[in-house]
């Protein structure tokens, strides 16, 4: 599925995404590799 909530985004996606946006706002550290399905979801 393209999103954690299924075929369309939902609050489950925003809960998880908040954690990644937290890191991106403050740090240049790369958390995910480009071939990770979670990386594609974050995009």
ModelCIF file with pLDDT and N, C-alpha, C, O atoms, coordinates in Angstrom:
data_MODEL
#
_entry.id   MODEL 
#
_entity.id                         1 
_entity.type                       polymer 
_entity.pdbx_number_of_molecules   1 
#
_entity_poly.entity_id                      1 
_entity_poly.type                           'polypeptide(L)' 
_entity_poly.nstd_linkage                   no 
_entity_poly.nstd_monomer                   no 
_entity_poly.pdbx_seq_one_letter_code       
;(UNK)(UNK)(UNK)(UNK)(UNK)(UNK)(UNK)(UNK)(UNK)(UNK)(UNK)(UNK)(UNK)(UNK)(UNK)(UNK)
(UNK)(UNK)(UNK)(UNK)(UNK)(UNK)(UNK)(UNK)(UNK)(UNK)(UNK)(UNK)(UNK)(UNK)(UNK)(UNK)
(UNK)(UNK)(UNK)(UNK)(UNK)(UNK)(UNK)(UNK)(UNK)(UNK)(UNK)
;
_entity_poly.pdbx_seq_one_letter_code_can   XXXXXXXXXXXXXXXXXXXXXXXXXXXXXXXXXXXXXXXXXXX 
_entity_poly.pdbx_strand_id                 A 
#
loop_
_entity_poly_seq.entity_id 
_entity_poly_seq.num 
_entity_poly_seq.mon_id 
_entity_poly_seq.hetero 
1 1  UNK n 
1 2  UNK n 
1 3  UNK n 
1 4  UNK n 
1 5  UNK n 
1 6  UNK n 
1 7  UNK n 
1 8  UNK n 
1 9  UNK n 
1 10 UNK n 
1 11 UNK n 
1 12 UNK n 
1 13 UNK n 
1 14 UNK n 
1 15 UNK n 
1 16 UNK n 
1 17 UNK n 
1 18 UNK n 
1 19 UNK n 
1 20 UNK n 
1 21 UNK n 
1 22 UNK n 
1 23 UNK n 
1 24 UNK n 
1 25 UNK n 
1 26 UNK n 
1 27 UNK n 
1 28 UNK n 
1 29 UNK n 
1 30 UNK n 
1 31 UNK n 
1 32 UNK n 
1 33 UNK n 
1 34 UNK n 
1 35 UNK n 
1 36 UNK n 
1 37 UNK n 
1 38 UNK n 
1 39 UNK n 
1 40 UNK n 
1 41 UNK n 
1 42 UNK n 
1 43 UNK n 
#
_struct_asym.id          A 
_struct_asym.entity_id   1 
#
loop_
_ma_qa_metric.id 
_ma_qa_metric.mode 
_ma_qa_metric.name 
_ma_qa_metric.software_group_id 
_ma_qa_metric.type 
1 global pLDDT . pLDDT 
2 local  pLDDT . pLDDT 
#
_ma_qa_metric_global.metric_id      1 
_ma_qa_metric_global.metric_value   97.56 
_ma_qa_metric_global.model_id       1 
_ma_qa_metric_global.ordinal_id     1 
#
loop_
_ma_qa_metric_local.label_asym_id 
_ma_qa_metric_local.label_comp_id 
_ma_qa_metric_local.label_seq_id 
_ma_qa_metric_local.metric_id 
_ma_qa_metric_local.metric_value 
_ma_qa_metric_local.model_id 
_ma_qa_metric_local.ordinal_id 
A UNK 1  2 98.00 1 1  
A UNK 2  2 98.00 1 2  
A UNK 3  2 98.00 1 3  
A UNK 4  2 98.00 1 4  
A UNK 5  2 97.00 1 5  
A UNK 6  2 97.00 1 6  
A UNK 7  2 97.00 1 7  
A UNK 8  2 98.00 1 8  
A UNK 9  2 98.00 1 9  
A UNK 10 2 98.00 1 10 
A UNK 11 2 98.00 1 11 
A UNK 12 2 98.00 1 12 
A UNK 13 2 98.00 1 13 
A UNK 14 2 99.00 1 14 
A UNK 15 2 99.00 1 15 
A UNK 16 2 98.00 1 16 
A UNK 17 2 98.00 1 17 
A UNK 18 2 98.00 1 18 
A UNK 19 2 98.00 1 19 
A UNK 20 2 98.00 1 20 
A UNK 21 2 98.00 1 21 
A UNK 22 2 98.00 1 22 
A UNK 23 2 98.00 1 23 
A UNK 24 2 98.00 1 24 
A UNK 25 2 98.00 1 25 
A UNK 26 2 98.00 1 26 
A UNK 27 2 97.00 1 27 
A UNK 28 2 96.00 1 28 
A UNK 29 2 97.00 1 29 
A UNK 30 2 96.00 1 30 
A UNK 31 2 97.00 1 31 
A UNK 32 2 97.00 1 32 
A UNK 33 2 95.00 1 33 
A UNK 34 2 95.00 1 34 
A UNK 35 2 97.00 1 35 
A UNK 36 2 98.00 1 36 
A UNK 37 2 98.00 1 37 
A UNK 38 2 98.00 1 38 
A UNK 39 2 97.00 1 39 
A UNK 40 2 97.00 1 40 
A UNK 41 2 98.00 1 41 
A UNK 42 2 98.00 1 42 
A UNK 43 2 97.00 1 43 
#
loop_
_atom_site.group_PDB 
_atom_site.id 
_atom_site.type_symbol 
_atom_site.label_atom_id 
_atom_site.label_alt_id 
_atom_site.label_comp_id 
_atom_site.label_asym_id 
_atom_site.label_entity_id 
_atom_site.label_seq_id 
_atom_site.pdbx_PDB_ins_code 
_atom_site.Cartn_x 
_atom_site.Cartn_y 
_atom_site.Cartn_z 
_atom_site.occupancy 
_atom_site.B_iso_or_equiv 
_atom_site.pdbx_formal_charge 
_atom_site.auth_seq_id 
_atom_site.auth_comp_id 
_atom_site.auth_asym_id 
_atom_site.auth_atom_id 
_atom_site.pdbx_PDB_model_num 
ATOM 1   N N  . UNK A 1 1  ? 0.844  -1.191 0.000  1.00 98.00 ? 1  UNK A N  1 
ATOM 2   C CA . UNK A 1 1  ? 0.000  0.000  0.000  1.00 98.00 ? 1  UNK A CA 1 
ATOM 3   C C  . UNK A 1 1  ? 0.882  1.245  0.000  1.00 98.00 ? 1  UNK A C  1 
ATOM 4   O O  . UNK A 1 1  ? 1.985  1.210  0.547  1.00 98.00 ? 1  UNK A O  1 
ATOM 5   N N  . UNK A 1 2  ? 0.425  2.342  -0.600 1.00 98.00 ? 2  UNK A N  1 
ATOM 6   C CA . UNK A 1 2  ? 1.261  3.543  -0.633 1.00 98.00 ? 2  UNK A CA 1 
ATOM 7   C C  . UNK A 1 2  ? 1.375  4.252  0.716  1.00 98.00 ? 2  UNK A C  1 
ATOM 8   O O  . UNK A 1 2  ? 2.313  5.018  0.937  1.00 98.00 ? 2  UNK A O  1 
ATOM 9   N N  . UNK A 1 3  ? 0.424  3.999  1.619  1.00 98.00 ? 3  UNK A N  1 
ATOM 10  C CA . UNK A 1 3  ? 0.418  4.700  2.896  1.00 98.00 ? 3  UNK A CA 1 
ATOM 11  C C  . UNK A 1 3  ? 0.168  3.720  4.038  1.00 98.00 ? 3  UNK A C  1 
ATOM 12  O O  . UNK A 1 3  ? -0.375 2.635  3.832  1.00 98.00 ? 3  UNK A O  1 
ATOM 13  N N  . UNK A 1 4  ? 0.566  4.111  5.224  1.00 98.00 ? 4  UNK A N  1 
ATOM 14  C CA . UNK A 1 4  ? 0.345  3.275  6.399  1.00 98.00 ? 4  UNK A CA 1 
ATOM 15  C C  . UNK A 1 4  ? -1.145 3.073  6.648  1.00 98.00 ? 4  UNK A C  1 
ATOM 16  O O  . UNK A 1 4  ? -1.556 2.027  7.151  1.00 98.00 ? 4  UNK A O  1 
ATOM 17  N N  . UNK A 1 5  ? -1.959 4.076  6.294  1.00 97.00 ? 5  UNK A N  1 
ATOM 18  C CA . UNK A 1 5  ? -3.405 3.990  6.471  1.00 97.00 ? 5  UNK A CA 1 
ATOM 19  C C  . UNK A 1 5  ? -4.097 3.261  5.321  1.00 97.00 ? 5  UNK A C  1 
ATOM 20  O O  . UNK A 1 5  ? -5.307 3.041  5.374  1.00 97.00 ? 5  UNK A O  1 
ATOM 21  N N  . UNK A 1 6  ? -3.355 2.885  4.289  1.00 97.00 ? 6  UNK A N  1 
ATOM 22  C CA . UNK A 1 6  ? -3.938 2.164  3.166  1.00 97.00 ? 6  UNK A CA 1 
ATOM 23  C C  . UNK A 1 6  ? -3.691 2.836  1.833  1.00 97.00 ? 6  UNK A C  1 
ATOM 24  O O  . UNK A 1 6  ? -2.564 3.233  1.536  1.00 97.00 ? 6  UNK A O  1 
ATOM 25  N N  . UNK A 1 7  ? -4.726 2.968  1.031  1.00 97.00 ? 7  UNK A N  1 
ATOM 26  C CA . UNK A 1 7  ? -4.577 3.537  -0.309 1.00 97.00 ? 7  UNK A CA 1 
ATOM 27  C C  . UNK A 1 7  ? -4.527 5.058  -0.299 1.00 97.00 ? 7  UNK A C  1 
ATOM 28  O O  . UNK A 1 7  ? -4.130 5.677  -1.286 1.00 97.00 ? 7  UNK A O  1 
ATOM 29  N N  . UNK A 1 8  ? -4.923 5.650  0.799  1.00 98.00 ? 8  UNK A N  1 
ATOM 30  C CA . UNK A 1 8  ? -4.869 7.102  0.960  1.00 98.00 ? 8  UNK A CA 1 
ATOM 31  C C  . UNK A 1 8  ? -4.284 7.417  2.327  1.00 98.00 ? 8  UNK A C  1 
ATOM 32  O O  . UNK A 1 8  ? -4.392 6.601  3.242  1.00 98.00 ? 8  UNK A O  1 
ATOM 33  N N  . UNK A 1 9  ? -3.666 8.582  2.487  1.00 98.00 ? 9  UNK A N  1 
ATOM 34  C CA . UNK A 1 9  ? -3.056 8.907  3.776  1.00 98.00 ? 9  UNK A CA 1 
ATOM 35  C C  . UNK A 1 9  ? -4.094 9.154  4.856  1.00 98.00 ? 9  UNK A C  1 
ATOM 36  O O  . UNK A 1 9  ? -5.207 9.603  4.583  1.00 98.00 ? 9  UNK A O  1 
ATOM 37  N N  . UNK A 1 10 ? -3.709 8.855  6.077  1.00 98.00 ? 10 UNK A N  1 
ATOM 38  C CA . UNK A 1 10 ? -4.569 9.091  7.234  1.00 98.00 ? 10 UNK A CA 1 
ATOM 39  C C  . UNK A 1 10 ? -3.728 9.502  8.423  1.00 98.00 ? 10 UNK A C  1 
ATOM 40  O O  . UNK A 1 10 ? -2.525 9.730  8.296  1.00 98.00 ? 10 UNK A O  1 
ATOM 41  N N  . UNK A 1 11 ? -4.359 9.594  9.570  1.00 98.00 ? 11 UNK A N  1 
ATOM 42  C CA . UNK A 1 11 ? -3.648 10.103 10.737 1.00 98.00 ? 11 UNK A CA 1 
ATOM 43  C C  . UNK A 1 11 ? -2.502 9.180  11.158 1.00 98.00 ? 11 UNK A C  1 
ATOM 44  O O  . UNK A 1 11 ? -1.520 9.652  11.731 1.00 98.00 ? 11 UNK A O  1 
ATOM 45  N N  . UNK A 1 12 ? -2.606 7.889  10.889 1.00 98.00 ? 12 UNK A N  1 
ATOM 46  C CA . UNK A 1 12 ? -1.501 6.982  11.191 1.00 98.00 ? 12 UNK A CA 1 
ATOM 47  C C  . UNK A 1 12 ? -0.232 7.411  10.454 1.00 98.00 ? 12 UNK A C  1 
ATOM 48  O O  . UNK A 1 12 ? 0.868  7.340  11.003 1.00 98.00 ? 12 UNK A O  1 
ATOM 49  N N  . UNK A 1 13 ? -0.391 7.852  9.220  1.00 98.00 ? 13 UNK A N  1 
ATOM 50  C CA . UNK A 1 13 ? 0.759  8.343  8.453  1.00 98.00 ? 13 UNK A CA 1 
ATOM 51  C C  . UNK A 1 13 ? 1.332  9.597  9.086  1.00 98.00 ? 13 UNK A C  1 
ATOM 52  O O  . UNK A 1 13 ? 2.552  9.742  9.170  1.00 98.00 ? 13 UNK A O  1 
ATOM 53  N N  . UNK A 1 14 ? 0.488  10.492 9.528  1.00 99.00 ? 14 UNK A N  1 
ATOM 54  C CA . UNK A 1 14 ? 0.968  11.755 10.068 1.00 99.00 ? 14 UNK A CA 1 
ATOM 55  C C  . UNK A 1 14 ? 1.651  11.558 11.421 1.00 99.00 ? 14 UNK A C  1 
ATOM 56  O O  . UNK A 1 14 ? 2.576  12.294 11.765 1.00 99.00 ? 14 UNK A O  1 
ATOM 57  N N  . UNK A 1 15 ? 1.198  10.570 12.183 1.00 99.00 ? 15 UNK A N  1 
ATOM 58  C CA . UNK A 1 15 ? 1.863  10.245 13.446 1.00 99.00 ? 15 UNK A CA 1 
ATOM 59  C C  . UNK A 1 15 ? 3.294  9.807  13.181 1.00 99.00 ? 15 UNK A C  1 
ATOM 60  O O  . UNK A 1 15 ? 4.224  10.314 13.807 1.00 99.00 ? 15 UNK A O  1 
ATOM 61  N N  . UNK A 1 16 ? 3.478  8.872  12.261 1.00 98.00 ? 16 UNK A N  1 
ATOM 62  C CA . UNK A 1 16 ? 4.827  8.408  11.947 1.00 98.00 ? 16 UNK A CA 1 
ATOM 63  C C  . UNK A 1 16 ? 5.640  9.491  11.256 1.00 98.00 ? 16 UNK A C  1 
ATOM 64  O O  . UNK A 1 16 ? 6.819  9.673  11.560 1.00 98.00 ? 16 UNK A O  1 
ATOM 65  N N  . UNK A 1 17 ? 5.023  10.208 10.333 1.00 98.00 ? 17 UNK A N  1 
ATOM 66  C CA . UNK A 1 17 ? 5.752  11.229 9.593  1.00 98.00 ? 17 UNK A CA 1 
ATOM 67  C C  . UNK A 1 17 ? 6.265  12.324 10.513 1.00 98.00 ? 17 UNK A C  1 
ATOM 68  O O  . UNK A 1 17 ? 7.343  12.870 10.281 1.00 98.00 ? 17 UNK A O  1 
ATOM 69  N N  . UNK A 1 18 ? 5.516  12.649 11.543 1.00 98.00 ? 18 UNK A N  1 
ATOM 70  C CA . UNK A 1 18 ? 5.972  13.663 12.482 1.00 98.00 ? 18 UNK A CA 1 
ATOM 71  C C  . UNK A 1 18 ? 7.340  13.351 13.051 1.00 98.00 ? 18 UNK A C  1 
ATOM 72  O O  . UNK A 1 18 ? 8.143  14.257 13.274 1.00 98.00 ? 18 UNK A O  1 
ATOM 73  N N  . UNK A 1 19 ? 7.615  12.068 13.289 1.00 98.00 ? 19 UNK A N  1 
ATOM 74  C CA . UNK A 1 19 ? 8.912  11.675 13.832 1.00 98.00 ? 19 UNK A CA 1 
ATOM 75  C C  . UNK A 1 19 ? 10.031 11.973 12.835 1.00 98.00 ? 19 UNK A C  1 
ATOM 76  O O  . UNK A 1 19 ? 11.097 12.448 13.227 1.00 98.00 ? 19 UNK A O  1 
ATOM 77  N N  . UNK A 1 20 ? 9.798  11.700 11.558 1.00 98.00 ? 20 UNK A N  1 
ATOM 78  C CA . UNK A 1 20 ? 10.823 11.967 10.547 1.00 98.00 ? 20 UNK A CA 1 
ATOM 79  C C  . UNK A 1 20 ? 10.993 13.458 10.287 1.00 98.00 ? 20 UNK A C  1 
ATOM 80  O O  . UNK A 1 20 ? 12.106 13.923 10.040 1.00 98.00 ? 20 UNK A O  1 
ATOM 81  N N  . UNK A 1 21 ? 9.907  14.202 10.342 1.00 98.00 ? 21 UNK A N  1 
ATOM 82  C CA . UNK A 1 21 ? 10.013 15.637 10.120 1.00 98.00 ? 21 UNK A CA 1 
ATOM 83  C C  . UNK A 1 21 ? 10.698 16.318 11.310 1.00 98.00 ? 21 UNK A C  1 
ATOM 84  O O  . UNK A 1 21 ? 11.369 17.336 11.138 1.00 98.00 ? 21 UNK A O  1 
ATOM 85  N N  . UNK A 1 22 ? 10.535 15.774 12.488 1.00 98.00 ? 22 UNK A N  1 
ATOM 86  C CA . UNK A 1 22 ? 11.250 16.194 13.695 1.00 98.00 ? 22 UNK A CA 1 
ATOM 87  C C  . UNK A 1 22 ? 12.751 16.138 13.439 1.00 98.00 ? 22 UNK A C  1 
ATOM 88  O O  . UNK A 1 22 ? 13.468 17.109 13.678 1.00 98.00 ? 22 UNK A O  1 
ATOM 89  N N  . UNK A 1 23 ? 13.215 14.993 12.952 1.00 98.00 ? 23 UNK A N  1 
ATOM 90  C CA . UNK A 1 23 ? 14.640 14.823 12.682 1.00 98.00 ? 23 UNK A CA 1 
ATOM 91  C C  . UNK A 1 23 ? 15.111 15.725 11.551 1.00 98.00 ? 23 UNK A C  1 
ATOM 92  O O  . UNK A 1 23 ? 16.166 16.351 11.653 1.00 98.00 ? 23 UNK A O  1 
ATOM 93  N N  . UNK A 1 24 ? 14.335 15.796 10.472 1.00 98.00 ? 24 UNK A N  1 
ATOM 94  C CA . UNK A 1 24 ? 14.754 16.583 9.315  1.00 98.00 ? 24 UNK A CA 1 
ATOM 95  C C  . UNK A 1 24 ? 14.878 18.065 9.641  1.00 98.00 ? 24 UNK A C  1 
ATOM 96  O O  . UNK A 1 24 ? 15.714 18.763 9.066  1.00 98.00 ? 24 UNK A O  1 
ATOM 97  N N  . UNK A 1 25 ? 14.054 18.542 10.556 1.00 98.00 ? 25 UNK A N  1 
ATOM 98  C CA . UNK A 1 25 ? 14.077 19.961 10.906 1.00 98.00 ? 25 UNK A CA 1 
ATOM 99  C C  . UNK A 1 25 ? 15.362 20.371 11.609 1.00 98.00 ? 25 UNK A C  1 
ATOM 100 O O  . UNK A 1 25 ? 15.768 21.531 11.536 1.00 98.00 ? 25 UNK A O  1 
ATOM 101 N N  . UNK A 1 26 ? 16.009 19.423 12.292 1.00 98.00 ? 26 UNK A N  1 
ATOM 102 C CA . UNK A 1 26 ? 17.138 19.805 13.146 1.00 98.00 ? 26 UNK A CA 1 
ATOM 103 C C  . UNK A 1 26 ? 18.470 19.157 12.779 1.00 98.00 ? 26 UNK A C  1 
ATOM 104 O O  . UNK A 1 26 ? 19.518 19.602 13.247 1.00 98.00 ? 26 UNK A O  1 
ATOM 105 N N  . UNK A 1 27 ? 18.447 18.119 11.952 1.00 97.00 ? 27 UNK A N  1 
ATOM 106 C CA . UNK A 1 27 ? 19.672 17.336 11.750 1.00 97.00 ? 27 UNK A CA 1 
ATOM 107 C C  . UNK A 1 27 ? 19.866 16.920 10.296 1.00 97.00 ? 27 UNK A C  1 
ATOM 108 O O  . UNK A 1 27 ? 18.900 16.574 9.617  1.00 97.00 ? 27 UNK A O  1 
ATOM 109 N N  . UNK A 1 28 ? 21.119 16.952 9.808  1.00 96.00 ? 28 UNK A N  1 
ATOM 110 C CA . UNK A 1 28 ? 21.402 16.456 8.461  1.00 96.00 ? 28 UNK A CA 1 
ATOM 111 C C  . UNK A 1 28 ? 21.589 14.941 8.404  1.00 96.00 ? 28 UNK A C  1 
ATOM 112 O O  . UNK A 1 28 ? 21.851 14.393 7.333  1.00 96.00 ? 28 UNK A O  1 
ATOM 113 N N  . UNK A 1 29 ? 21.459 14.263 9.531  1.00 97.00 ? 29 UNK A N  1 
ATOM 114 C CA . UNK A 1 29 ? 21.690 12.820 9.577  1.00 97.00 ? 29 UNK A CA 1 
ATOM 115 C C  . UNK A 1 29 ? 20.697 12.080 8.686  1.00 97.00 ? 29 UNK A C  1 
ATOM 116 O O  . UNK A 1 29 ? 19.494 12.338 8.735  1.00 97.00 ? 29 UNK A O  1 
ATOM 117 N N  . UNK A 1 30 ? 21.214 11.152 7.866  1.00 96.00 ? 30 UNK A N  1 
ATOM 118 C CA . UNK A 1 30 ? 20.348 10.354 6.999  1.00 96.00 ? 30 UNK A CA 1 
ATOM 119 C C  . UNK A 1 30 ? 19.802 9.167  7.790  1.00 96.00 ? 30 UNK A C  1 
ATOM 120 O O  . UNK A 1 30 ? 20.567 8.317  8.246  1.00 96.00 ? 30 UNK A O  1 
ATOM 121 N N  . UNK A 1 31 ? 18.506 9.112  7.948  1.00 97.00 ? 31 UNK A N  1 
ATOM 122 C CA . UNK A 1 31 ? 17.888 8.057  8.745  1.00 97.00 ? 31 UNK A CA 1 
ATOM 123 C C  . UNK A 1 31 ? 17.570 6.807  7.938  1.00 97.00 ? 31 UNK A C  1 
ATOM 124 O O  . UNK A 1 31 ? 17.581 5.703  8.483  1.00 97.00 ? 31 UNK A O  1 
ATOM 125 N N  . UNK A 1 32 ? 17.286 6.963  6.640  1.00 97.00 ? 32 UNK A N  1 
ATOM 126 C CA . UNK A 1 32 ? 16.823 5.860  5.813  1.00 97.00 ? 32 UNK A CA 1 
ATOM 127 C C  . UNK A 1 32 ? 17.651 5.751  4.547  1.00 97.00 ? 32 UNK A C  1 
ATOM 128 O O  . UNK A 1 32 ? 18.163 6.747  4.037  1.00 97.00 ? 32 UNK A O  1 
ATOM 129 N N  . UNK A 1 33 ? 17.777 4.532  4.045  1.00 95.00 ? 33 UNK A N  1 
ATOM 130 C CA . UNK A 1 33 ? 18.437 4.305  2.762  1.00 95.00 ? 33 UNK A CA 1 
ATOM 131 C C  . UNK A 1 33 ? 17.408 4.450  1.634  1.00 95.00 ? 33 UNK A C  1 
ATOM 132 O O  . UNK A 1 33 ? 16.232 4.145  1.832  1.00 95.00 ? 33 UNK A O  1 
ATOM 133 N N  . UNK A 1 34 ? 17.837 4.910  0.463  1.00 95.00 ? 34 UNK A N  1 
ATOM 134 C CA . UNK A 1 34 ? 16.881 5.170  -0.636 1.00 95.00 ? 34 UNK A CA 1 
ATOM 135 C C  . UNK A 1 34 ? 16.104 3.951  -1.104 1.00 95.00 ? 34 UNK A C  1 
ATOM 136 O O  . UNK A 1 34 ? 15.022 4.110  -1.671 1.00 95.00 ? 34 UNK A O  1 
ATOM 137 N N  . UNK A 1 35 ? 16.612 2.735  -0.890 1.00 97.00 ? 35 UNK A N  1 
ATOM 138 C CA . UNK A 1 35 ? 15.881 1.549  -1.333 1.00 97.00 ? 35 UNK A CA 1 
ATOM 139 C C  . UNK A 1 35 ? 14.895 1.025  -0.290 1.00 97.00 ? 35 UNK A C  1 
ATOM 140 O O  . UNK A 1 35 ? 14.272 -0.017 -0.496 1.00 97.00 ? 35 UNK A O  1 
ATOM 141 N N  . UNK A 1 36 ? 14.752 1.731  0.813  1.00 98.00 ? 36 UNK A N  1 
ATOM 142 C CA . UNK A 1 36 ? 13.842 1.339  1.888  1.00 98.00 ? 36 UNK A CA 1 
ATOM 143 C C  . UNK A 1 36 ? 12.419 1.757  1.514  1.00 98.00 ? 36 UNK A C  1 
ATOM 144 O O  . UNK A 1 36 ? 12.208 2.914  1.149  1.00 98.00 ? 36 UNK A O  1 
ATOM 145 N N  . UNK A 1 37 ? 11.441 0.859  1.593  1.00 98.00 ? 37 UNK A N  1 
ATOM 146 C CA . UNK A 1 37 ? 10.054 1.265  1.324  1.00 98.00 ? 37 UNK A CA 1 
ATOM 147 C C  . UNK A 1 37 ? 9.588  2.427  2.203  1.00 98.00 ? 37 UNK A C  1 
ATOM 148 O O  . UNK A 1 37 ? 8.721  3.204  1.804  1.00 98.00 ? 37 UNK A O  1 
ATOM 149 N N  . UNK A 1 38 ? 10.163 2.541  3.393  1.00 98.00 ? 38 UNK A N  1 
ATOM 150 C CA . UNK A 1 38 ? 9.787  3.651  4.271  1.00 98.00 ? 38 UNK A CA 1 
ATOM 151 C C  . UNK A 1 38 ? 10.291 4.977  3.700  1.00 98.00 ? 38 UNK A C  1 
ATOM 152 O O  . UNK A 1 38 ? 9.652  6.014  3.873  1.00 98.00 ? 38 UNK A O  1 
ATOM 153 N N  . UNK A 1 39 ? 11.426 4.939  3.027  1.00 97.00 ? 39 UNK A N  1 
ATOM 154 C CA . UNK A 1 39 ? 11.960 6.138  2.367  1.00 97.00 ? 39 UNK A CA 1 
ATOM 155 C C  . UNK A 1 39 ? 10.994 6.614  1.281  1.00 97.00 ? 39 UNK A C  1 
ATOM 156 O O  . UNK A 1 39 ? 10.696 7.804  1.184  1.00 97.00 ? 39 UNK A O  1 
ATOM 157 N N  . UNK A 1 40 ? 10.505 5.668  0.463  1.00 97.00 ? 40 UNK A N  1 
ATOM 158 C CA . UNK A 1 40 ? 9.570  6.028  -0.605 1.00 97.00 ? 40 UNK A CA 1 
ATOM 159 C C  . UNK A 1 40 ? 8.265  6.562  -0.018 1.00 97.00 ? 40 UNK A C  1 
ATOM 160 O O  . UNK A 1 40 ? 7.686  7.512  -0.544 1.00 97.00 ? 40 UNK A O  1 
ATOM 161 N N  . UNK A 1 41 ? 7.803  5.949  1.073  1.00 98.00 ? 41 UNK A N  1 
ATOM 162 C CA . UNK A 1 41 ? 6.601  6.447  1.744  1.00 98.00 ? 41 UNK A CA 1 
ATOM 163 C C  . UNK A 1 41 ? 6.817  7.879  2.242  1.00 98.00 ? 41 UNK A C  1 
ATOM 164 O O  . UNK A 1 41 ? 5.951  8.737  2.067  1.00 98.00 ? 41 UNK A O  1 
ATOM 165 N N  . UNK A 1 42 ? 7.971  8.134  2.861  1.00 98.00 ? 42 UNK A N  1 
ATOM 166 C CA . UNK A 1 42 ? 8.238  9.483  3.364  1.00 98.00 ? 42 UNK A CA 1 
ATOM 167 C C  . UNK A 1 42 ? 8.216  10.495 2.221  1.00 98.00 ? 42 UNK A C  1 
ATOM 168 O O  . UNK A 1 42 ? 7.708  11.603 2.390  1.00 98.00 ? 42 UNK A O  1 
ATOM 169 N N  . UNK A 1 43 ? 8.753  10.133 1.075  1.00 97.00 ? 43 UNK A N  1 
ATOM 170 C CA . UNK A 1 43 ? 8.712  11.020 -0.086 1.00 97.00 ? 43 UNK A CA 1 
ATOM 171 C C  . UNK A 1 43 ? 7.264  11.344 -0.481 1.00 97.00 ? 43 UNK A C  1 
ATOM 172 O O  . UNK A 1 43 ? 7.036  12.081 -1.440 1.00 97.00 ? 43 UNK A O  1 
#
